[in-house]
């Protein structure tokens, strides 16, 4: 089976958000299953510069052609490289007008920011169709696996440009990593990339409100739609989480599948993590965490007290993540007896709130450490040192921090939504609260504190259960392989 994975990012080549980790990890697991899997991403200017400066990354030109946009054609060059430290091929699509003329995104996040950015990824989608859907292509996949709004137009472009000969066309899978990120472009973009609005009824219907929704087109055009956790697949069919697309998703319910993301245990493993203070394995998790905890307390200016649990949060400071609940109850959390360590950046108002609390409450100076920055090294040290992790998200398509925390023996306290619902079991691998409510979160934190303080056997059982969870990519890859076969059987 041949699979092409198309996305906007791929770690370690180029990373802005979590999607990069998925695209950099899933193909490795698929390759181990015997699938001929390859990746295609834009050849952004920062990636060009990075590869130019790194003699260890080799690229070869494999295809040169002209791709149309509107009434003009633009030269496209496709280079091939290898995902570092693997044998997975990566295609880099170069075009000086649209793809290789600027940074990864035109805004700090993967949220579409301008019409220019939407045009950019519409053009990228057209190049995918031009380069990979013909029998004599450099790589003719059986399945094209698309990811988020950046590639949502591909199914419709393929169907429009091949409408007179559909023999041998690849099947398409469209993965929604976060439904809140949708791309709304002007209607003329559809025609300019080769979609015939007059004959394509779903596109025609979508454009009646004078815009084209990239995610909607991915949903209606792909053979199967996936999300990054089972529970999120259910949630997006509801008005609360469907971002206005719940009825369309419900209509395609038989083609919507939730497959939980994984994490790389090659990267996240306290037994060999070079960024933490002291390595430890399952057999000495308590001793290892105690040593890391004492060092982190010292480095962050906290009281070096083994009996005070460190509660941590590593997160984007964004509305989705629900950290306004933590701000609302921060004094209560510290009064319970926690030390609280935060690492993250984002919403300026949330950043200010966490910083202002420290200035306004000097009495908590040795129990509170807001780190309004991002450092991968500090993140690893926090995973290894913390006793608990709080993740109070409004919604969470998958979530990775709870999986990483568990691997490092830090017990998660989460809201029952999306992938958090799927990965944390109350009283077994963590503490769960249902409603998005600061009082409910505080009650869960109180339950966790009481268990930590009064029932060491129960607490050790929680840690044991956490470190023995398997969230590797192997199981996820197996589920994708099954889905690819289902798509081919249609």
Foldseek 3Di string as FASTA:
>chain_A
DEEEEEDLAAPPLDDQDPVNQQNPALVQLLVVVVYQYAYEHECEQVSVVVQVPDPVWDKDWDDWDWAFFAPDTFIKIWIWTASPPGRHIYIYIDTCPQGHVHDSAPDSDPAHDDLSRQLSLLSVLLVCLVQAFDPPHPHHGQEYEYEALSNLCNLQLNCQVQVVPPPSGHAYEYEYAALVRKDKHFLVRCVRSRRDLVPDPVSVVCCPVGIGISNSSSLVRHQAYEFAAQQVLVVLLDPVRVNPCNVVSVVVVVRYYYFHAFHDCVAQAQQDNPLFPDRDHLVCLVVQLLVLQQVVLVVQQAPSDSLAAEEEEEDEPDQQQLCVLCLVCVVVLVVLRHQYEYEYEHDPVVLCSLVVVCVVCVVCSRRYGYHHYDDPSVVSSCLQHGQAYEGEGPAHQADDPCLSSLLNLHAYEYECHHNVVVPHDDLQQHHYFYDSHSVSSVVSSSVVSCCSNPPVVSSSRNSSRSNPDHRRSNVSSVVVVVVSVVSSVD
